[in-house]
Amino acid sequence: MHDNIKQWIKKPVSWLEMIVVLLVLLLTFTPFIPSNAVRLCILQSGHPFAAVLSGPSKLPKSEIKYYSGNKSQLHYQINVPFATESADVDVVVVHRVSKNHFYNKYVATPSYAVGP
């Protein structure tokens, strides 16, 4: 096993593959677009598989009234619900925190249904 690790370290292709994987993960969870902020929120809640498989999509404006939050914020529905202390979450609210000259920064928080 120790020899396999030494061979892997010596292979330049393996290092390149590792750098590409780390770069893709960094770009997937950096909140410069709303869907990445959703993935980061799910990851911070302790659900890495749900974060990768989430597939966030914008919630239609007609359904926003069923969830808490301001209508001016973006609501994203996710394919893989995740659990928090309160309940299972399938909608996340996203709002822009700062507009930088390099990129916008978004923050996402779980949203819960207001009632029937």
PDB file of N, CA and C in Angstrom:
ATOM      1  N   MET A   1       0.823  -1.189   0.000  1.00  0.00           N
ATOM      2  CA  MET A   1       0.000   0.000   0.000  1.00  0.00           C
ATOM      3  C   MET A   1       0.867   1.252   0.000  1.00  0.00           C
ATOM      4  N   HIS A   2       1.928   1.231   0.779  1.00  0.00           N
ATOM      5  CA  HIS A   2       2.825   2.386   0.863  1.00  0.00           C
ATOM      6  C   HIS A   2       3.483   2.648  -0.494  1.00  0.00           C
ATOM      7  N   ASP A   3       3.796   1.593  -1.241  1.00  0.00           N
ATOM      8  CA  ASP A   3       4.389   1.760  -2.568  1.00  0.00           C
ATOM      9  C   ASP A   3       3.392   2.372  -3.549  1.00  0.00           C
ATOM     10  N   ASN A   4       2.125   2.015  -3.415  1.00  0.00           N
ATOM     11  CA  ASN A   4       1.105   2.599  -4.286  1.00  0.00           C
ATOM     12  C   ASN A   4       0.994   4.109  -4.081  1.00  0.00           C
ATOM     13  N   ILE A   5       1.098   4.531  -2.834  1.00  0.00           N
ATOM     14  CA  ILE A   5       1.031   5.964  -2.546  1.00  0.00           C
ATOM     15  C   ILE A   5       2.225   6.679  -3.147  1.00  0.00           C
ATOM     16  N   LYS A   6       3.406   6.086  -3.046  1.00  0.00           N
ATOM     17  CA  LYS A   6       4.609   6.700  -3.631  1.00  0.00           C
ATOM     18  C   LYS A   6       4.488   6.803  -5.153  1.00  0.00           C
ATOM     19  N   GLN A   7       3.942   5.771  -5.779  1.00  0.00           N
ATOM     20  CA  GLN A   7       3.764   5.810  -7.234  1.00  0.00           C
ATOM     21  C   GLN A   7       2.744   6.874  -7.623  1.00  0.00           C
ATOM     22  N   TRP A   8       1.706   7.032  -6.850  1.00  0.00           N
ATOM     23  CA  TRP A   8       0.688   8.033  -7.161  1.00  0.00           C
ATOM     24  C   TRP A   8       1.260   9.441  -7.040  1.00  0.00           C
ATOM     25  N   ILE A   9       2.102   9.663  -6.042  1.00  0.00           N
ATOM     26  CA  ILE A   9       2.701  10.977  -5.840  1.00  0.00           C
ATOM     27  C   ILE A   9       3.654  11.312  -6.978  1.00  0.00           C
ATOM     28  N   LYS A  10       4.328  10.327  -7.519  1.00  0.00           N
ATOM     29  CA  LYS A  10       5.307  10.561  -8.577  1.00  0.00           C
ATOM     30  C   LYS A  10       4.649  10.818  -9.927  1.00  0.00           C
ATOM     31  N   LYS A  11       3.420  10.404 -10.120  1.00  0.00           N
ATOM     32  CA  LYS A  11       2.756  10.574 -11.411  1.00  0.00           C
ATOM     33  C   LYS A  11       2.279  12.013 -11.573  1.00  0.00           C
ATOM     34  N   PRO A  12       2.744  12.725 -12.599  1.00  0.00           N
ATOM     35  CA  PRO A  12       2.299  14.104 -12.788  1.00  0.00           C
ATOM     36  C   PRO A  12       0.828  14.206 -13.209  1.00  0.00           C
ATOM     37  N   VAL A  13       0.322  13.194 -13.881  1.00  0.00           N
ATOM     38  CA  VAL A  13      -1.076  13.216 -14.306  1.00  0.00           C
ATOM     39  C   VAL A  13      -1.993  13.172 -13.078  1.00  0.00           C
ATOM     40  N   SER A  14      -1.617  12.419 -12.079  1.00  0.00           N
ATOM     41  CA  SER A  14      -2.428  12.331 -10.870  1.00  0.00           C
ATOM     42  C   SER A  14      -2.501  13.681 -10.167  1.00  0.00           C
ATOM     43  N   TRP A  15      -1.414  14.400 -10.112  1.00  0.00           N
ATOM     44  CA  TRP A  15      -1.419  15.726  -9.516  1.00  0.00           C
ATOM     45  C   TRP A  15      -2.306  16.670 -10.313  1.00  0.00           C
ATOM     46  N   LEU A  16      -2.233  16.568 -11.624  1.00  0.00           N
ATOM     47  CA  LEU A  16      -3.074  17.402 -12.471  1.00  0.00           C
ATOM     48  C   LEU A  16      -4.548  17.080 -12.256  1.00  0.00           C
ATOM     49  N   GLU A  17      -4.876  15.812 -12.170  1.00  0.00           N
ATOM     50  CA  GLU A  17      -6.257  15.406 -11.916  1.00  0.00           C
ATOM     51  C   GLU A  17      -6.747  15.936 -10.573  1.00  0.00           C
ATOM     52  N   MET A  18      -5.895  15.871  -9.556  1.00  0.00           N
ATOM     53  CA  MET A  18      -6.268  16.357  -8.235  1.00  0.00           C
ATOM     54  C   MET A  18      -6.496  17.872  -8.263  1.00  0.00           C
ATOM     55  N   ILE A  19      -5.677  18.602  -8.968  1.00  0.00           N
ATOM     56  CA  ILE A  19      -5.839  20.047  -9.071  1.00  0.00           C
ATOM     57  C   ILE A  19      -7.135  20.385  -9.792  1.00  0.00           C
ATOM     58  N   VAL A  20      -7.450  19.649 -10.849  1.00  0.00           N
ATOM     59  CA  VAL A  20      -8.696  19.891 -11.593  1.00  0.00           C
ATOM     60  C   VAL A  20      -9.905  19.613 -10.702  1.00  0.00           C
ATOM     61  N   VAL A  21      -9.881  18.527  -9.951  1.00  0.00           N
ATOM     62  CA  VAL A  21     -10.992  18.187  -9.059  1.00  0.00           C
ATOM     63  C   VAL A  21     -11.163  19.264  -7.988  1.00  0.00           C
ATOM     64  N   LEU A  22     -10.077  19.712  -7.389  1.00  0.00           N
ATOM     65  CA  LEU A  22     -10.154  20.761  -6.375  1.00  0.00           C
ATOM     66  C   LEU A  22     -10.662  22.074  -6.960  1.00  0.00           C
ATOM     67  N   LEU A  23     -10.249  22.389  -8.176  1.00  0.00           N
ATOM     68  CA  LEU A  23     -10.712  23.609  -8.835  1.00  0.00           C
ATOM     69  C   LEU A  23     -12.208  23.540  -9.129  1.00  0.00           C
ATOM     70  N   VAL A  24     -12.677  22.394  -9.594  1.00  0.00           N
ATOM     71  CA  VAL A  24     -14.107  22.221  -9.869  1.00  0.00           C
ATOM     72  C   VAL A  24     -14.913  22.341  -8.571  1.00  0.00           C
ATOM     73  N   LEU A  25     -14.430  21.722  -7.485  1.00  0.00           N
ATOM     74  CA  LEU A  25     -15.127  21.838  -6.203  1.00  0.00           C
ATOM     75  C   LEU A  25     -15.143  23.284  -5.703  1.00  0.00           C
ATOM     76  N   LEU A  26     -14.041  23.980  -5.872  1.00  0.00           N
ATOM     77  CA  LEU A  26     -13.973  25.379  -5.461  1.00  0.00           C
ATOM     78  C   LEU A  26     -14.957  26.227  -6.249  1.00  0.00           C
ATOM     79  N   LEU A  27     -15.039  26.011  -7.549  1.00  0.00           N
ATOM     80  CA  LEU A  27     -15.964  26.783  -8.379  1.00  0.00           C
ATOM     81  C   LEU A  27     -17.420  26.399  -8.133  1.00  0.00           C
ATOM     82  N   THR A  28     -17.656  25.169  -7.680  1.00  0.00           N
ATOM     83  CA  THR A  28     -19.020  24.712  -7.409  1.00  0.00           C
ATOM     84  C   THR A  28     -19.585  25.336  -6.138  1.00  0.00           C
ATOM     85  N   PHE A  29     -18.730  25.579  -5.142  1.00  0.00           N
ATOM     86  CA  PHE A  29     -19.217  26.060  -3.854  1.00  0.00           C
ATOM     87  C   PHE A  29     -18.860  27.514  -3.549  1.00  0.00           C
ATOM     88  N   THR A  30     -18.241  28.236  -4.470  1.00  0.00           N
ATOM     89  CA  THR A  30     -17.962  29.649  -4.272  1.00  0.00           C
ATOM     90  C   THR A  30     -19.226  30.435  -4.617  1.00  0.00           C
ATOM     91  N   PRO A  31     -19.753  31.228  -3.686  1.00  0.00           N
ATOM     92  CA  PRO A  31     -21.074  31.852  -3.890  1.00  0.00           C
ATOM     93  C   PRO A  31     -21.067  33.106  -4.765  1.00  0.00           C
ATOM     94  N   PHE A  32     -20.548  33.014  -5.979  1.00  0.00           N
ATOM     95  CA  PHE A  32     -20.583  34.159  -6.884  1.00  0.00           C
ATOM     96  C   PHE A  32     -21.812  34.125  -7.790  1.00  0.00           C
ATOM     97  N   ILE A  33     -22.571  33.038  -7.758  1.00  0.00           N
ATOM     98  CA  ILE A  33     -23.870  32.952  -8.418  1.00  0.00           C
ATOM     99  C   ILE A  33     -24.858  32.327  -7.419  1.00  0.00           C
ATOM    100  N   PRO A  34     -26.137  32.589  -7.543  1.00  0.00           N
ATOM    101  CA  PRO A  34     -27.102  32.099  -6.550  1.00  0.00           C
ATOM    102  C   PRO A  34     -27.117  30.576  -6.373  1.00  0.00           C
ATOM    103  N   SER A  35     -26.997  29.820  -7.446  1.00  0.00           N
ATOM    104  CA  SER A  35     -27.044  28.358  -7.296  1.00  0.00           C
ATOM    105  C   SER A  35     -25.858  27.837  -6.493  1.00  0.00           C
ATOM    106  N   ASN A  36     -24.711  28.473  -6.602  1.00  0.00           N
ATOM    107  CA  ASN A  36     -23.562  28.071  -5.784  1.00  0.00           C
ATOM    108  C   ASN A  36     -23.791  28.418  -4.315  1.00  0.00           C
ATOM    109  N   ALA A  37     -24.468  29.530  -4.050  1.00  0.00           N
ATOM    110  CA  ALA A  37     -24.790  29.890  -2.668  1.00  0.00           C
ATOM    111  C   ALA A  37     -25.731  28.853  -2.056  1.00  0.00           C
ATOM    112  N   VAL A  38     -26.645  28.332  -2.862  1.00  0.00           N
ATOM    113  CA  VAL A  38     -27.555  27.282  -2.390  1.00  0.00           C
ATOM    114  C   VAL A  38     -26.751  26.034  -2.032  1.00  0.00           C
ATOM    115  N   ARG A  39     -25.843  25.635  -2.911  1.00  0.00           N
ATOM    116  CA  ARG A  39     -25.018  24.454  -2.638  1.00  0.00           C
ATOM    117  C   ARG A  39     -24.166  24.651  -1.386  1.00  0.00           C
ATOM    118  N   LEU A  40     -23.608  25.839  -1.210  1.00  0.00           N
ATOM    119  CA  LEU A  40     -22.788  26.126  -0.032  1.00  0.00           C
ATOM    120  C   LEU A  40     -23.624  26.074   1.238  1.00  0.00           C
ATOM    121  N   CYS A  41     -24.840  26.580   1.196  1.00  0.00           N
ATOM    122  CA  CYS A  41     -25.740  26.527   2.350  1.00  0.00           C
ATOM    123  C   CYS A  41     -26.017  25.078   2.757  1.00  0.00           C
ATOM    124  N   ILE A  42     -26.269  24.245   1.775  1.00  0.00           N
ATOM    125  CA  ILE A  42     -26.540  22.825   2.058  1.00  0.00           C
ATOM    126  C   ILE A  42     -25.290  22.159   2.618  1.00  0.00           C
ATOM    127  N   LEU A  43     -24.135  22.477   2.060  1.00  0.00           N
ATOM    128  CA  LEU A  43     -22.875  21.907   2.552  1.00  0.00           C
ATOM    129  C   LEU A  43     -22.605  22.351   3.980  1.00  0.00           C
ATOM    130  N   GLN A  44     -22.854  23.614   4.301  1.00  0.00           N
ATOM    131  CA  GLN A  44     -22.645  24.114   5.655  1.00  0.00           C
ATOM    132  C   GLN A  44     -23.618  23.495   6.649  1.00  0.00           C
ATOM    133  N   SER A  45     -24.748  23.005   6.172  1.00  0.00           N
ATOM    134  CA  SER A  45     -25.704  22.319   7.044  1.00  0.00           C
ATOM    135  C   SER A  45     -25.285  20.885   7.327  1.00  0.00           C
ATOM    136  N   GLY A  46     -24.197  20.449   6.723  1.00  0.00           N
ATOM    137  CA  GLY A  46     -23.678  19.113   6.996  1.00  0.00           C
ATOM    138  C   GLY A  46     -24.195  18.031   6.070  1.00  0.00           C
ATOM    139  N   HIS A  47     -24.562  18.388   4.848  1.00  0.00           N
ATOM    140  CA  HIS A  47     -25.087  17.416   3.893  1.00  0.00           C
ATOM    141  C   HIS A  47     -24.308  17.506   2.582  1.00  0.00           C
ATOM    142  N   PRO A  48     -23.101  16.930   2.519  1.00  0.00           N
ATOM    143  CA  PRO A  48     -22.277  17.076   1.313  1.00  0.00           C
ATOM    144  C   PRO A  48     -22.866  16.413   0.069  1.00  0.00           C
ATOM    145  N   PHE A  49     -23.495  15.256   0.221  1.00  0.00           N
ATOM    146  CA  PHE A  49     -24.066  14.588  -0.945  1.00  0.00           C
ATOM    147  C   PHE A  49     -25.265  15.353  -1.491  1.00  0.00           C
ATOM    148  N   ALA A  50     -26.086  15.884  -0.601  1.00  0.00           N
ATOM    149  CA  ALA A  50     -27.224  16.698  -1.038  1.00  0.00           C
ATOM    150  C   ALA A  50     -26.744  17.978  -1.713  1.00  0.00           C
ATOM    151  N   ALA A  51     -25.615  18.512  -1.260  1.00  0.00           N
ATOM    152  CA  ALA A  51     -25.075  19.736  -1.865  1.00  0.00           C
ATOM    153  C   ALA A  51     -24.636  19.490  -3.298  1.00  0.00           C
ATOM    154  N   VAL A  52     -24.015  18.369  -3.541  1.00  0.00           N
ATOM    155  CA  VAL A  52     -23.546  18.059  -4.891  1.00  0.00           C
ATOM    156  C   VAL A  52     -24.718  17.704  -5.803  1.00  0.00           C
ATOM    157  N   LEU A  53     -25.700  17.006  -5.282  1.00  0.00           N
ATOM    158  CA  LEU A  53     -26.823  16.521  -6.089  1.00  0.00           C
ATOM    159  C   LEU A  53     -28.029  17.467  -6.078  1.00  0.00           C
ATOM    160  N   SER A  54     -27.912  18.642  -5.482  1.00  0.00           N
ATOM    161  CA  SER A  54     -29.074  19.497  -5.242  1.00  0.00           C
ATOM    162  C   SER A  54     -29.786  19.963  -6.502  1.00  0.00           C
ATOM    163  N   GLY A  55     -29.072  20.361  -7.531  1.00  0.00           N
ATOM    164  CA  GLY A  55     -29.697  20.843  -8.754  1.00  0.00           C
ATOM    165  C   GLY A  55     -30.669  21.973  -8.524  1.00  0.00           C
ATOM    166  N   PRO A  56     -30.223  23.089  -7.922  1.00  0.00           N
ATOM    167  CA  PRO A  56     -31.159  24.169  -7.602  1.00  0.00           C
ATOM    168  C   PRO A  56     -31.787  24.799  -8.835  1.00  0.00           C
ATOM    169  N   SER A  57     -33.082  25.107  -8.724  1.00  0.00           N
ATOM    170  CA  SER A  57     -33.793  25.800  -9.803  1.00  0.00           C
ATOM    171  C   SER A  57     -34.695  26.859  -9.167  1.00  0.00           C
ATOM    172  N   LYS A  58     -34.910  27.957  -9.877  1.00  0.00           N
ATOM    173  CA  LYS A  58     -35.722  29.052  -9.343  1.00  0.00           C
ATOM    174  C   LYS A  58     -37.155  28.595  -9.115  1.00  0.00           C
ATOM    175  N   LEU A  59     -37.682  29.017  -7.995  1.00  0.00           N
ATOM    176  CA  LEU A  59     -39.060  28.722  -7.654  1.00  0.00           C
ATOM    177  C   LEU A  59     -39.957  29.705  -8.401  1.00  0.00           C
ATOM    178  N   PRO A  60     -41.057  29.248  -9.006  1.00  0.00           N
ATOM    179  CA  PRO A  60     -41.956  30.167  -9.701  1.00  0.00           C
ATOM    180  C   PRO A  60     -42.523  31.219  -8.744  1.00  0.00           C
ATOM    181  N   LYS A  61     -42.752  32.423  -9.247  1.00  0.00           N
ATOM    182  CA  LYS A  61     -43.243  33.522  -8.409  1.00  0.00           C
ATOM    183  C   LYS A  61     -44.600  33.203  -7.781  1.00  0.00           C
ATOM    184  N   SER A  62     -45.378  32.366  -8.425  1.00  0.00           N
ATOM    185  CA  SER A  62     -46.691  32.026  -7.875  1.00  0.00           C
ATOM    186  C   SER A  62     -46.587  31.185  -6.605  1.00  0.00           C
ATOM    187  N   GLU A  63     -45.467  30.513  -6.380  1.00  0.00           N
ATOM    188  CA  GLU A  63     -45.305  29.660  -5.205  1.00  0.00           C
ATOM    189  C   GLU A  63     -44.541  30.326  -4.073  1.00  0.00           C
ATOM    190  N   ILE A  64     -43.986  31.511  -4.299  1.00  0.00           N
ATOM    191  CA  ILE A  64     -43.201  32.197  -3.270  1.00  0.00           C
ATOM    192  C   ILE A  64     -44.054  32.548  -2.061  1.00  0.00           C
ATOM    193  N   LYS A  65     -45.346  32.804  -2.275  1.00  0.00           N
ATOM    194  CA  LYS A  65     -46.218  33.213  -1.166  1.00  0.00           C
ATOM    195  C   LYS A  65     -46.370  32.127  -0.105  1.00  0.00           C
ATOM    196  N   TYR A  66     -46.056  30.881  -0.425  1.00  0.00           N
ATOM    197  CA  TYR A  66     -46.181  29.789   0.538  1.00  0.00           C
ATOM    198  C   TYR A  66     -44.967  29.668   1.456  1.00  0.00           C
ATOM    199  N   TYR A  67     -43.912  30.425   1.177  1.00  0.00           N
ATOM    200  CA  TYR A  67     -42.686  30.335   1.954  1.00  0.00           C
ATOM    201  C   TYR A  67     -42.387  31.653   2.640  1.00  0.00           C
ATOM    202  N   SER A  68     -41.683  31.557   3.749  1.00  0.00           N
ATOM    203  CA  SER A  68     -41.321  32.768   4.477  1.00  0.00           C
ATOM    204  C   SER A  68     -40.285  33.555   3.690  1.00  0.00           C
ATOM    205  N   GLY A  69     -40.260  34.826   3.915  1.00  0.00           N
ATOM    206  CA  GLY A  69     -39.271  35.656   3.255  1.00  0.00           C
ATOM    207  C   GLY A  69     -39.885  36.726   2.389  1.00  0.00           C
ATOM    208  N   ASN A  70     -39.062  37.604   1.939  1.00  0.00           N
ATOM    209  CA  ASN A  70     -39.481  38.734   1.131  1.00  0.00           C
ATOM    210  C   ASN A  70     -39.603  38.303  -0.329  1.00  0.00           C
ATOM    211  N   LYS A  71     -40.575  38.841  -1.044  1.00  0.00           N
ATOM    212  CA  LYS A  71     -40.763  38.476  -2.445  1.00  0.00           C
ATOM    213  C   LYS A  71     -39.638  38.981  -3.334  1.00  0.00           C
ATOM    214  N   SER A  72     -38.883  39.984  -2.858  1.00  0.00           N
ATOM    215  CA  SER A  72     -37.794  40.511  -3.679  1.00  0.00           C
ATOM    216  C   SER A  72     -36.571  39.594  -3.660  1.00  0.00           C
ATOM    217  N   GLN A  73     -36.535  38.667  -2.722  1.00  0.00           N
ATOM    218  CA  GLN A  73     -35.419  37.726  -2.667  1.00  0.00           C
ATOM    219  C   GLN A  73     -35.666  36.578  -3.634  1.00  0.00           C
ATOM    220  N   LEU A  74     -34.590  35.897  -3.991  1.00  0.00           N
ATOM    221  CA  LEU A  74     -34.696  34.741  -4.882  1.00  0.00           C
ATOM    222  C   LEU A  74     -34.974  33.489  -4.069  1.00  0.00           C
ATOM    223  N   HIS A  75     -35.906  32.682  -4.511  1.00  0.00           N
ATOM    224  CA  HIS A  75     -36.217  31.407  -3.864  1.00  0.00           C
ATOM    225  C   HIS A  75     -35.822  30.291  -4.826  1.00  0.00           C
ATOM    226  N   TYR A  76     -35.055  29.333  -4.321  1.00  0.00           N
ATOM    227  CA  TYR A  76     -34.597  28.215  -5.139  1.00  0.00           C
ATOM    228  C   TYR A  76     -35.110  26.913  -4.558  1.00  0.00           C
ATOM    229  N   GLN A  77     -35.656  26.083  -5.419  1.00  0.00           N
ATOM    230  CA  GLN A  77     -36.090  24.749  -5.029  1.00  0.00           C
ATOM    231  C   GLN A  77     -34.948  23.784  -5.330  1.00  0.00           C
ATOM    232  N   ILE A  78     -34.751  22.816  -4.450  1.00  0.00           N
ATOM    233  CA  ILE A  78     -33.677  21.840  -4.650  1.00  0.00           C
ATOM    234  C   ILE A  78     -34.280  20.457  -4.851  1.00  0.00           C
ATOM    235  N   ASN A  79     -33.553  19.624  -5.589  1.00  0.00           N
ATOM    236  CA  ASN A  79     -34.027  18.269  -5.891  1.00  0.00           C
ATOM    237  C   ASN A  79     -33.890  17.328  -4.709  1.00  0.00           C
ATOM    238  N   VAL A  80     -32.872  17.553  -3.870  1.00  0.00           N
ATOM    239  CA  VAL A  80     -32.596  16.664  -2.751  1.00  0.00           C
ATOM    240  C   VAL A  80     -32.829  17.430  -1.451  1.00  0.00           C
ATOM    241  N   PRO A  81     -33.990  17.241  -0.788  1.00  0.00           N
ATOM    242  CA  PRO A  81     -34.232  17.939   0.477  1.00  0.00           C
ATOM    243  C   PRO A  81     -33.218  17.516   1.536  1.00  0.00           C
ATOM    244  N   PHE A  82     -32.892  18.441   2.443  1.00  0.00           N
ATOM    245  CA  PHE A  82     -31.984  18.122   3.531  1.00  0.00           C
ATOM    246  C   PHE A  82     -32.632  18.508   4.850  1.00  0.00           C
ATOM    247  N   ALA A  83     -32.199  17.877   5.914  1.00  0.00           N
ATOM    248  CA  ALA A  83     -32.813  18.080   7.223  1.00  0.00           C
ATOM    249  C   ALA A  83     -32.049  19.131   8.026  1.00  0.00           C
ATOM    250  N   THR A  84     -32.796  19.963   8.742  1.00  0.00           N
ATOM    251  CA  THR A  84     -32.225  20.897   9.710  1.00  0.00           C
ATOM    252  C   THR A  84     -32.824  20.555  11.071  1.00  0.00           C
ATOM    253  N   GLU A  85     -32.514  21.367  12.087  1.00  0.00           N
ATOM    254  CA  GLU A  85     -33.083  21.096  13.411  1.00  0.00           C
ATOM    255  C   GLU A  85     -34.591  21.232  13.408  1.00  0.00           C
ATOM    256  N   SER A  86     -35.118  22.142  12.586  1.00  0.00           N
ATOM    257  CA  SER A  86     -36.556  22.414  12.574  1.00  0.00           C
ATOM    258  C   SER A  86     -37.351  21.436  11.716  1.00  0.00           C
ATOM    259  N   ALA A  87     -36.915  21.237  10.473  1.00  0.00           N
ATOM    260  CA  ALA A  87     -37.691  20.410   9.541  1.00  0.00           C
ATOM    261  C   ALA A  87     -36.846  20.105   8.305  1.00  0.00           C
ATOM    262  N   ASP A  88     -37.430  19.335   7.407  1.00  0.00           N
ATOM    263  CA  ASP A  88     -36.782  19.100   6.119  1.00  0.00           C
ATOM    264  C   ASP A  88     -36.932  20.354   5.259  1.00  0.00           C
ATOM    265  N   VAL A  89     -35.882  20.671   4.498  1.00  0.00           N
ATOM    266  CA  VAL A  89     -35.872  21.878   3.689  1.00  0.00           C
ATOM    267  C   VAL A  89     -35.804  21.496   2.220  1.00  0.00           C
ATOM    268  N   ASP A  90     -36.696  22.069   1.412  1.00  0.00           N
ATOM    269  CA  ASP A  90     -36.614  21.855  -0.027  1.00  0.00           C
ATOM    270  C   ASP A  90     -36.602  23.173  -0.794  1.00  0.00           C
ATOM    271  N   VAL A  91     -36.669  24.303  -0.078  1.00  0.00           N
ATOM    272  CA  VAL A  91     -36.572  25.627  -0.693  1.00  0.00           C
ATOM    273  C   VAL A  91     -35.561  26.457   0.095  1.00  0.00           C
ATOM    274  N   VAL A  92     -34.718  27.172  -0.632  1.00  0.00           N
ATOM    275  CA  VAL A  92     -33.684  27.999  -0.019  1.00  0.00           C
ATOM    276  C   VAL A  92     -33.839  29.428  -0.543  1.00  0.00           C
ATOM    277  N   VAL A  93     -33.724  30.412   0.351  1.00  0.00           N
ATOM    278  CA  VAL A  93     -33.816  31.821  -0.014  1.00  0.00           C
ATOM    279  C   VAL A  93     -32.398  32.355  -0.227  1.00  0.00           C
ATOM    280  N   VAL A  94     -32.214  33.095  -1.324  1.00  0.00           N
ATOM    281  CA  VAL A  94     -30.899  33.638  -1.662  1.00  0.00           C
ATOM    282  C   VAL A  94     -31.014  35.147  -1.803  1.00  0.00           C
ATOM    283  N   HIS A  95     -30.052  35.855  -1.230  1.00  0.00           N
ATOM    284  CA  HIS A  95     -29.995  37.297  -1.443  1.00  0.00           C
ATOM    285  C   HIS A  95     -28.542  37.729  -1.627  1.00  0.00           C
ATOM    286  N   ARG A  96     -28.375  38.808  -2.379  1.00  0.00           N
ATOM    287  CA  ARG A  96     -27.035  39.314  -2.663  1.00  0.00           C
ATOM    288  C   ARG A  96     -26.574  40.160  -1.490  1.00  0.00           C
ATOM    289  N   VAL A  97     -25.370  39.865  -1.003  1.00  0.00           N
ATOM    290  CA  VAL A  97     -24.836  40.590   0.130  1.00  0.00           C
ATOM    291  C   VAL A  97     -23.921  41.725  -0.309  1.00  0.00           C
ATOM    292  N   SER A  98     -23.122  41.484  -1.319  1.00  0.00           N
ATOM    293  CA  SER A  98     -22.213  42.535  -1.770  1.00  0.00           C
ATOM    294  C   SER A  98     -22.019  42.441  -3.268  1.00  0.00           C
ATOM    295  N   LYS A  99     -21.808  43.590  -3.850  1.00  0.00           N
ATOM    296  CA  LYS A  99     -21.501  43.646  -5.269  1.00  0.00           C
ATOM    297  C   LYS A  99     -20.080  44.176  -5.379  1.00  0.00           C
ATOM    298  N   ASN A 100     -19.202  43.294  -5.710  1.00  0.00           N
ATOM    299  CA  ASN A 100     -17.795  43.619  -5.832  1.00  0.00           C
ATOM    300  C   ASN A 100     -17.478  43.843  -7.306  1.00  0.00           C
ATOM    301  N   HIS A 101     -16.393  44.513  -7.621  1.00  0.00           N
ATOM    302  CA  HIS A 101     -16.063  44.665  -9.031  1.00  0.00           C
ATOM    303  C   HIS A 101     -15.501  43.385  -9.630  1.00  0.00           C
ATOM    304  N   PHE A 102     -15.219  42.385  -8.806  1.00  0.00           N
ATOM    305  CA  PHE A 102     -14.781  41.084  -9.329  1.00  0.00           C
ATOM    306  C   PHE A 102     -15.962  40.121  -9.457  1.00  0.00           C
ATOM    307  N   TYR A 103     -16.774  40.027  -8.429  1.00  0.00           N
ATOM    308  CA  TYR A 103     -17.935  39.138  -8.487  1.00  0.00           C
ATOM    309  C   TYR A 103     -18.951  39.547  -7.431  1.00  0.00           C
ATOM    310  N   ASN A 104     -20.187  39.142  -7.641  1.00  0.00           N
ATOM    311  CA  ASN A 104     -21.241  39.340  -6.645  1.00  0.00           C
ATOM    312  C   ASN A 104     -21.116  38.249  -5.600  1.00  0.00           C
ATOM    313  N   LYS A 105     -21.510  38.529  -4.374  1.00  0.00           N
ATOM    314  CA  LYS A 105     -21.499  37.511  -3.330  1.00  0.00           C
ATOM    315  C   LYS A 105     -22.926  37.306  -2.851  1.00  0.00           C
ATOM    316  N   TYR A 106     -23.356  36.063  -2.823  1.00  0.00           N
ATOM    317  CA  TYR A 106     -24.706  35.707  -2.414  1.00  0.00           C
ATOM    318  C   TYR A 106     -24.662  34.877  -1.134  1.00  0.00           C
ATOM    319  N   VAL A 107     -25.721  34.980  -0.340  1.00  0.00           N
ATOM    320  CA  VAL A 107     -25.872  34.178   0.868  1.00  0.00           C
ATOM    321  C   VAL A 107     -27.223  33.481   0.783  1.00  0.00           C
ATOM    322  N   ALA A 108     -27.241  32.209   1.124  1.00  0.00           N
ATOM    323  CA  ALA A 108     -28.479  31.429   1.083  1.00  0.00           C
ATOM    324  C   ALA A 108     -28.846  30.959   2.492  1.00  0.00           C
ATOM    325  N   THR A 109     -30.130  30.920   2.768  1.00  0.00           N
ATOM    326  CA  THR A 109     -30.631  30.422   4.039  1.00  0.00           C
ATOM    327  C   THR A 109     -31.841  29.523   3.764  1.00  0.00           C
ATOM    328  N   PRO A 110     -32.042  28.501   4.591  1.00  0.00           N
ATOM    329  CA  PRO A 110     -33.211  27.634   4.404  1.00  0.00           C
ATOM    330  C   PRO A 110     -34.512  28.406   4.581  1.00  0.00           C
ATOM    331  N   SER A 111     -35.530  28.022   3.836  1.00  0.00           N
ATOM    332  CA  SER A 111     -36.839  28.653   3.921  1.00  0.00           C
ATOM    333  C   SER A 111     -37.865  27.578   4.284  1.00  0.00           C
ATOM    334  N   TYR A 112     -38.782  27.949   5.136  1.00  0.00           N
ATOM    335  CA  TYR A 112     -39.789  27.002   5.603  1.00  0.00           C
ATOM    336  C   TYR A 112     -41.173  27.471   5.157  1.00  0.00           C
ATOM    337  N   ALA A 113     -42.057  26.542   4.900  1.00  0.00           N
ATOM    338  CA  ALA A 113     -43.417  26.877   4.490  1.00  0.00           C
ATOM    339  C   ALA A 113     -44.132  27.596   5.627  1.00  0.00           C
ATOM    340  N   VAL A 114     -44.899  28.637   5.276  1.00  0.00           N
ATOM    341  CA  VAL A 114     -45.596  29.435   6.270  1.00  0.00           C
ATOM    342  C   VAL A 114     -46.789  28.678   6.837  1.00  0.00           C
ATOM    343  N   GLY A 115     -47.497  27.991   6.014  1.00  0.00           N
ATOM    344  CA  GLY A 115     -48.666  27.251   6.485  1.00  0.00           C
ATOM    345  C   GLY A 115     -49.493  26.746   5.314  1.00  0.00           C
ATOM    346  N   PRO A 116     -50.600  26.090   5.593  1.00  0.00           N
ATOM    347  CA  PRO A 116     -51.405  25.532   4.509  1.00  0.00           C
ATOM    348  C   PRO A 116     -52.123  26.546   3.683  1.00  0.00           C
TER     349      PRO A 116
END
